Amino acid sequence: MARFRCSVCASEGKRVYDPQRHECPRCGSKDVVFALTIDELPDEIIEAIASAEPLDDPGSDGG
């Protein structure tokens, strides 16, 4: 189950995420955010994350 939050109707809750229908399950707005667990992500996304270059150098001191 994915959590969702709609900024149009202010609905929040859980539902099964369908990547073909990225809209609020209550009002149908496209202005909705879904939070998925790693188990719900498509394999292609997991592979892209795993093979991505790091954004920073872990050996640097940040300055």
C-alpha atoms as a PDB file:
ATOM      1  CA  MET A   1       0.000   0.000   0.000  1.00  0.00           C
ATOM      2  CA  ALA A   2       1.202   3.489  -0.826  1.00  0.00           C
ATOM      3  CA  ARG A   3       0.405   6.556   1.224  1.00  0.00           C
ATOM      4  CA  PHE A   4      -0.976   9.527  -0.643  1.00  0.00           C
ATOM      5  CA  ARG A   5      -1.710  13.193   0.010  1.00  0.00           C
ATOM      6  CA  CYS A   6      -3.738  15.469  -2.268  1.00  0.00           C
ATOM      7  CA  SER A   7      -3.142  19.210  -2.163  1.00  0.00           C
ATOM      8  CA  VAL A   8      -6.484  19.974  -3.844  1.00  0.00           C
ATOM      9  CA  CYS A   9      -8.975  18.172  -1.589  1.00  0.00           C
ATOM     10  CA  ALA A  10      -6.572  17.668   1.378  1.00  0.00           C
ATOM     11  CA  SER A  11      -7.263  13.918   1.429  1.00  0.00           C
ATOM     12  CA  GLU A  12      -4.700  11.556   2.910  1.00  0.00           C
ATOM     13  CA  GLY A  13      -4.680   7.814   3.168  1.00  0.00           C
ATOM     14  CA  LYS A  14      -3.428   4.540   1.751  1.00  0.00           C
ATOM     15  CA  ARG A  15      -4.208   2.800  -1.498  1.00  0.00           C
ATOM     16  CA  VAL A  16      -2.670   0.381  -3.941  1.00  0.00           C
ATOM     17  CA  TYR A  17      -0.428   2.439  -6.230  1.00  0.00           C
ATOM     18  CA  ASP A  18      -1.146   2.158  -9.938  1.00  0.00           C
ATOM     19  CA  PRO A  19       1.575   3.934 -11.981  1.00  0.00           C
ATOM     20  CA  GLN A  20      -0.851   4.220 -14.902  1.00  0.00           C
ATOM     21  CA  ARG A  21      -3.255   6.342 -12.799  1.00  0.00           C
ATOM     22  CA  HIS A  22      -1.287   9.008 -10.932  1.00  0.00           C
ATOM     23  CA  GLU A  23      -4.243  10.888  -9.495  1.00  0.00           C
ATOM     24  CA  CYS A  24      -6.056  11.390  -6.212  1.00  0.00           C
ATOM     25  CA  PRO A  25      -8.346   8.423  -5.563  1.00  0.00           C
ATOM     26  CA  ARG A  26     -10.964  10.729  -4.012  1.00  0.00           C
ATOM     27  CA  CYS A  27     -11.146  13.800  -6.289  1.00  0.00           C
ATOM     28  CA  GLY A  28      -9.144  12.736  -9.372  1.00  0.00           C
ATOM     29  CA  SER A  29      -6.645  15.624  -9.153  1.00  0.00           C
ATOM     30  CA  LYS A  30      -3.170  15.138 -10.640  1.00  0.00           C
ATOM     31  CA  ASP A  31      -1.780  17.330  -7.820  1.00  0.00           C
ATOM     32  CA  VAL A  32      -1.164  14.365  -5.523  1.00  0.00           C
ATOM     33  CA  VAL A  33       1.944  12.887  -3.920  1.00  0.00           C
ATOM     34  CA  PHE A  34       2.458   9.170  -3.359  1.00  0.00           C
ATOM     35  CA  ALA A  35       4.981   7.623  -0.979  1.00  0.00           C
ATOM     36  CA  LEU A  36       5.957   4.109  -2.002  1.00  0.00           C
ATOM     37  CA  THR A  37       7.908   1.503  -0.105  1.00  0.00           C
ATOM     38  CA  ILE A  38      10.943   0.017  -1.836  1.00  0.00           C
ATOM     39  CA  ASP A  39       8.954  -3.199  -2.416  1.00  0.00           C
ATOM     40  CA  GLU A  40       6.441  -1.296  -4.554  1.00  0.00           C
ATOM     41  CA  LEU A  41       8.968   0.355  -6.881  1.00  0.00           C
ATOM     42  CA  PRO A  42       9.387  -1.117 -10.367  1.00  0.00           C
ATOM     43  CA  ASP A  43      12.614  -3.081 -10.883  1.00  0.00           C
ATOM     44  CA  GLU A  44      13.818  -0.514 -13.441  1.00  0.00           C
ATOM     45  CA  ILE A  45      13.716   2.247 -10.806  1.00  0.00           C
ATOM     46  CA  ILE A  46      15.563   0.158  -8.224  1.00  0.00           C
ATOM     47  CA  GLU A  47      18.269  -0.700 -10.788  1.00  0.00           C
ATOM     48  CA  ALA A  48      18.635   2.984 -11.748  1.00  0.00           C
ATOM     49  CA  ILE A  49      19.023   4.002  -8.102  1.00  0.00           C
ATOM     50  CA  ALA A  50      21.542   1.234  -7.436  1.00  0.00           C
ATOM     51  CA  SER A  51      23.696   2.189 -10.431  1.00  0.00           C
ATOM     52  CA  ALA A  52      23.542   5.985  -9.955  1.00  0.00           C
ATOM     53  CA  GLU A  53      26.677   7.975  -9.245  1.00  0.00           C
ATOM     54  CA  PRO A  54      26.854   9.499  -5.755  1.00  0.00           C
ATOM     55  CA  LEU A  55      25.974  13.201  -5.547  1.00  0.00           C
ATOM     56  CA  ASP A  56      28.859  14.018  -3.246  1.00  0.00           C
ATOM     57  CA  ASP A  57      32.275  12.693  -2.358  1.00  0.00           C
ATOM     58  CA  PRO A  58      31.996  10.743   0.911  1.00  0.00           C
ATOM     59  CA  GLY A  59      35.653  11.525   1.621  1.00  0.00           C
ATOM     60  CA  SER A  60      35.199  15.291   1.441  1.00  0.00           C
ATOM     61  CA  ASP A  61      34.595  17.504   4.434  1.00  0.00           C
ATOM     62  CA  GLY A  62      31.772  19.397   2.684  1.00  0.00           C
ATOM     63  CA  GLY A  63      33.793  22.558   2.126  1.00  0.00           C
END
